[in-house]
Amino acid sequence: MVPFLAAFLASPTATLASNNFTRRLLRERRYAGLSFAFSMLVHLAAIFSC
């Protein structure tokens, strides 16, 4: 859930509080989204393996 929130809130957070962390999060937003997608894929595979 944290990678999803990081990707979803990167732009508004960078607009409201512009600092090094939020600018970097905005640059790395794609990778946060991809890590969320990968974690959901692992969960889906675990569900189907049972």
PDB file of N, CA and C in Angstrom:
ATOM      1  N   MET A   1       0.811  -1.189   0.000  1.00  0.00           N
ATOM      2  CA  MET A   1       0.000   0.000   0.000  1.00  0.00           C
ATOM      3  C   MET A   1       0.859   1.260   0.000  1.00  0.00           C
ATOM      4  N   VAL A   2       2.013   1.215   0.629  1.00  0.00           N
ATOM      5  CA  VAL A   2       2.886   2.386   0.693  1.00  0.00           C
ATOM      6  C   VAL A   2       3.397   2.794  -0.696  1.00  0.00           C
ATOM      7  N   PRO A   3       3.832   1.850  -1.553  1.00  0.00           N
ATOM      8  CA  PRO A   3       4.261   2.288  -2.888  1.00  0.00           C
ATOM      9  C   PRO A   3       3.122   2.927  -3.687  1.00  0.00           C
ATOM     10  N   PHE A   4       1.897   2.440  -3.530  1.00  0.00           N
ATOM     11  CA  PHE A   4       0.763   3.027  -4.221  1.00  0.00           C
ATOM     12  C   PHE A   4       0.544   4.465  -3.754  1.00  0.00           C
ATOM     13  N   LEU A   5       0.561   4.673  -2.439  1.00  0.00           N
ATOM     14  CA  LEU A   5       0.367   6.024  -1.912  1.00  0.00           C
ATOM     15  C   LEU A   5       1.508   6.950  -2.324  1.00  0.00           C
ATOM     16  N   ALA A   6       2.708   6.436  -2.367  1.00  0.00           N
ATOM     17  CA  ALA A   6       3.845   7.255  -2.786  1.00  0.00           C
ATOM     18  C   ALA A   6       3.681   7.706  -4.231  1.00  0.00           C
ATOM     19  N   ALA A   7       3.263   6.795  -5.106  1.00  0.00           N
ATOM     20  CA  ALA A   7       3.072   7.153  -6.509  1.00  0.00           C
ATOM     21  C   ALA A   7       1.877   8.081  -6.681  1.00  0.00           C
ATOM     22  N   PHE A   8       0.813   7.847  -5.936  1.00  0.00           N
ATOM     23  CA  PHE A   8      -0.420   8.621  -6.075  1.00  0.00           C
ATOM     24  C   PHE A   8      -0.276  10.035  -5.515  1.00  0.00           C
ATOM     25  N   LEU A   9       0.456  10.178  -4.421  1.00  0.00           N
ATOM     26  CA  LEU A   9       0.563  11.471  -3.749  1.00  0.00           C
ATOM     27  C   LEU A   9       1.839  12.242  -4.085  1.00  0.00           C
ATOM     28  N   ALA A  10       2.640  11.760  -5.013  1.00  0.00           N
ATOM     29  CA  ALA A  10       3.908  12.413  -5.322  1.00  0.00           C
ATOM     30  C   ALA A  10       3.716  13.825  -5.857  1.00  0.00           C
ATOM     31  N   SER A  11       2.838  14.003  -6.796  1.00  0.00           N
ATOM     32  CA  SER A  11       2.652  15.323  -7.394  1.00  0.00           C
ATOM     33  C   SER A  11       2.035  16.338  -6.437  1.00  0.00           C
ATOM     34  N   PRO A  12       0.922  16.009  -5.753  1.00  0.00           N
ATOM     35  CA  PRO A  12       0.381  16.997  -4.822  1.00  0.00           C
ATOM     36  C   PRO A  12       1.332  17.333  -3.670  1.00  0.00           C
ATOM     37  N   THR A  13       2.074  16.339  -3.207  1.00  0.00           N
ATOM     38  CA  THR A  13       3.007  16.587  -2.111  1.00  0.00           C
ATOM     39  C   THR A  13       4.145  17.494  -2.572  1.00  0.00           C
ATOM     40  N   ALA A  14       4.623  17.287  -3.789  1.00  0.00           N
ATOM     41  CA  ALA A  14       5.689  18.140  -4.314  1.00  0.00           C
ATOM     42  C   ALA A  14       5.190  19.562  -4.533  1.00  0.00           C
ATOM     43  N   THR A  15       3.907  19.713  -4.843  1.00  0.00           N
ATOM     44  CA  THR A  15       3.349  21.054  -5.015  1.00  0.00           C
ATOM     45  C   THR A  15       3.188  21.756  -3.670  1.00  0.00           C
ATOM     46  N   LEU A  16       2.706  21.029  -2.681  1.00  0.00           N
ATOM     47  CA  LEU A  16       2.450  21.644  -1.379  1.00  0.00           C
ATOM     48  C   LEU A  16       3.729  21.897  -0.575  1.00  0.00           C
ATOM     49  N   ALA A  17       4.617  20.942  -0.576  1.00  0.00           N
ATOM     50  CA  ALA A  17       5.838  21.052   0.219  1.00  0.00           C
ATOM     51  C   ALA A  17       7.026  20.665  -0.653  1.00  0.00           C
ATOM     52  N   SER A  18       7.550  21.625  -1.348  1.00  0.00           N
ATOM     53  CA  SER A  18       8.651  21.348  -2.266  1.00  0.00           C
ATOM     54  C   SER A  18       9.978  21.308  -1.509  1.00  0.00           C
ATOM     55  N   ASN A  19      10.521  20.111  -1.405  1.00  0.00           N
ATOM     56  CA  ASN A  19      11.848  19.936  -0.820  1.00  0.00           C
ATOM     57  C   ASN A  19      12.550  18.805  -1.573  1.00  0.00           C
ATOM     58  N   ASN A  20      13.745  18.443  -1.158  1.00  0.00           N
ATOM     59  CA  ASN A  20      14.513  17.422  -1.877  1.00  0.00           C
ATOM     60  C   ASN A  20      13.789  16.085  -1.920  1.00  0.00           C
ATOM     61  N   PHE A  21      13.190  15.688  -0.797  1.00  0.00           N
ATOM     62  CA  PHE A  21      12.503  14.393  -0.741  1.00  0.00           C
ATOM     63  C   PHE A  21      11.324  14.334  -1.703  1.00  0.00           C
ATOM     64  N   THR A  22      10.495  15.370  -1.708  1.00  0.00           N
ATOM     65  CA  THR A  22       9.306  15.335  -2.567  1.00  0.00           C
ATOM     66  C   THR A  22       9.671  15.456  -4.040  1.00  0.00           C
ATOM     67  N   ARG A  23      10.703  16.217  -4.358  1.00  0.00           N
ATOM     68  CA  ARG A  23      11.137  16.295  -5.759  1.00  0.00           C
ATOM     69  C   ARG A  23      11.697  14.960  -6.233  1.00  0.00           C
ATOM     70  N   ARG A  24      12.433  14.278  -5.355  1.00  0.00           N
ATOM     71  CA  ARG A  24      12.969  12.968  -5.730  1.00  0.00           C
ATOM     72  C   ARG A  24      11.835  11.946  -5.880  1.00  0.00           C
ATOM     73  N   LEU A  25      10.864  12.011  -4.988  1.00  0.00           N
ATOM     74  CA  LEU A  25       9.710  11.122  -5.081  1.00  0.00           C
ATOM     75  C   LEU A  25       8.966  11.351  -6.386  1.00  0.00           C
ATOM     76  N   LEU A  26       8.854  12.593  -6.808  1.00  0.00           N
ATOM     77  CA  LEU A  26       8.198  12.911  -8.072  1.00  0.00           C
ATOM     78  C   LEU A  26       8.983  12.334  -9.245  1.00  0.00           C
ATOM     79  N   ARG A  27      10.309  12.411  -9.181  1.00  0.00           N
ATOM     80  CA  ARG A  27      11.135  11.835 -10.251  1.00  0.00           C
ATOM     81  C   ARG A  27      11.032  10.316 -10.288  1.00  0.00           C
ATOM     82  N   GLU A  28      10.930   9.689  -9.123  1.00  0.00           N
ATOM     83  CA  GLU A  28      10.921   8.229  -9.028  1.00  0.00           C
ATOM     84  C   GLU A  28       9.506   7.654  -8.962  1.00  0.00           C
ATOM     85  N   ARG A  29       8.510   8.437  -9.326  1.00  0.00           N
ATOM     86  CA  ARG A  29       7.112   8.006  -9.213  1.00  0.00           C
ATOM     87  C   ARG A  29       6.825   6.752 -10.042  1.00  0.00           C
ATOM     88  N   ARG A  30       7.406   6.655 -11.206  1.00  0.00           N
ATOM     89  CA  ARG A  30       7.178   5.484 -12.056  1.00  0.00           C
ATOM     90  C   ARG A  30       7.610   4.197 -11.357  1.00  0.00           C
ATOM     91  N   TYR A  31       8.753   4.241 -10.708  1.00  0.00           N
ATOM     92  CA  TYR A  31       9.271   3.046 -10.044  1.00  0.00           C
ATOM     93  C   TYR A  31       8.450   2.679  -8.816  1.00  0.00           C
ATOM     94  N   ALA A  32       7.893   3.666  -8.144  1.00  0.00           N
ATOM     95  CA  ALA A  32       6.997   3.378  -7.020  1.00  0.00           C
ATOM     96  C   ALA A  32       5.746   2.672  -7.527  1.00  0.00           C
ATOM     97  N   GLY A  33       5.203   3.130  -8.642  1.00  0.00           N
ATOM     98  CA  GLY A  33       4.036   2.483  -9.233  1.00  0.00           C
ATOM     99  C   GLY A  33       4.343   1.071  -9.708  1.00  0.00           C
ATOM    100  N   LEU A  34       5.506   0.891 -10.309  1.00  0.00           N
ATOM    101  CA  LEU A  34       5.882  -0.445 -10.772  1.00  0.00           C
ATOM    102  C   LEU A  34       6.120  -1.402  -9.611  1.00  0.00           C
ATOM    103  N   SER A  35       6.660  -0.909  -8.517  1.00  0.00           N
ATOM    104  CA  SER A  35       6.868  -1.780  -7.358  1.00  0.00           C
ATOM    105  C   SER A  35       5.526  -2.187  -6.755  1.00  0.00           C
ATOM    106  N   PHE A  36       4.554  -1.281  -6.773  1.00  0.00           N
ATOM    107  CA  PHE A  36       3.213  -1.635  -6.309  1.00  0.00           C
ATOM    108  C   PHE A  36       2.598  -2.699  -7.221  1.00  0.00           C
ATOM    109  N   ALA A  37       2.725  -2.525  -8.530  1.00  0.00           N
ATOM    110  CA  ALA A  37       2.182  -3.503  -9.468  1.00  0.00           C
ATOM    111  C   ALA A  37       2.841  -4.870  -9.282  1.00  0.00           C
ATOM    112  N   PHE A  38       4.144  -4.887  -9.066  1.00  0.00           N
ATOM    113  CA  PHE A  38       4.840  -6.154  -8.858  1.00  0.00           C
ATOM    114  C   PHE A  38       4.385  -6.833  -7.575  1.00  0.00           C
ATOM    115  N   SER A  39       4.187  -6.062  -6.517  1.00  0.00           N
ATOM    116  CA  SER A  39       3.746  -6.664  -5.259  1.00  0.00           C
ATOM    117  C   SER A  39       2.332  -7.234  -5.401  1.00  0.00           C
ATOM    118  N   MET A  40       1.488  -6.589  -6.173  1.00  0.00           N
ATOM    119  CA  MET A  40       0.141  -7.121  -6.408  1.00  0.00           C
ATOM    120  C   MET A  40       0.205  -8.398  -7.253  1.00  0.00           C
ATOM    121  N   LEU A  41       1.157  -8.459  -8.188  1.00  0.00           N
ATOM    122  CA  LEU A  41       1.345  -9.661  -8.992  1.00  0.00           C
ATOM    123  C   LEU A  41       1.789 -10.836  -8.123  1.00  0.00           C
ATOM    124  N   VAL A  42       2.668 -10.582  -7.174  1.00  0.00           N
ATOM    125  CA  VAL A  42       3.134 -11.633  -6.254  1.00  0.00           C
ATOM    126  C   VAL A  42       1.954 -12.109  -5.403  1.00  0.00           C
ATOM    127  N   HIS A  43       1.145 -11.182  -4.919  1.00  0.00           N
ATOM    128  CA  HIS A  43      -0.041 -11.578  -4.124  1.00  0.00           C
ATOM    129  C   HIS A  43      -1.010 -12.401  -4.962  1.00  0.00           C
ATOM    130  N   LEU A  44      -1.227 -12.003  -6.198  1.00  0.00           N
ATOM    131  CA  LEU A  44      -2.124 -12.749  -7.084  1.00  0.00           C
ATOM    132  C   LEU A  44      -1.606 -14.166  -7.330  1.00  0.00           C
ATOM    133  N   ALA A  45      -0.310 -14.282  -7.544  1.00  0.00           N
ATOM    134  CA  ALA A  45       0.292 -15.603  -7.750  1.00  0.00           C
ATOM    135  C   ALA A  45       0.148 -16.459  -6.503  1.00  0.00           C
ATOM    136  N   ALA A  46       0.299 -15.870  -5.328  1.00  0.00           N
ATOM    137  CA  ALA A  46       0.143 -16.618  -4.078  1.00  0.00           C
ATOM    138  C   ALA A  46      -1.293 -17.085  -3.903  1.00  0.00           C
ATOM    139  N   ILE A  47      -2.252 -16.275  -4.271  1.00  0.00           N
ATOM    140  CA  ILE A  47      -3.666 -16.639  -4.154  1.00  0.00           C
ATOM    141  C   ILE A  47      -3.989 -17.799  -5.080  1.00  0.00           C
ATOM    142  N   PHE A  48      -3.490 -17.732  -6.334  1.00  0.00           N
ATOM    143  CA  PHE A  48      -3.789 -18.783  -7.281  1.00  0.00           C
ATOM    144  C   PHE A  48      -3.035 -20.079  -7.017  1.00  0.00           C
ATOM    145  N   SER A  49      -1.937 -20.004  -6.270  1.00  0.00           N
ATOM    146  CA  SER A  49      -1.183 -21.225  -5.989  1.00  0.00           C
ATOM    147  C   SER A  49      -1.814 -22.056  -4.877  1.00  0.00           C
ATOM    148  N   CYS A  50      -2.718 -21.475  -4.127  1.00  0.00           N
ATOM    149  CA  CYS A  50      -3.358 -22.215  -3.023  1.00  0.00           C
ATOM    150  C   CYS A  50      -4.496 -23.083  -3.495  1.00  0.00           C
TER     151      CYS A  50
END
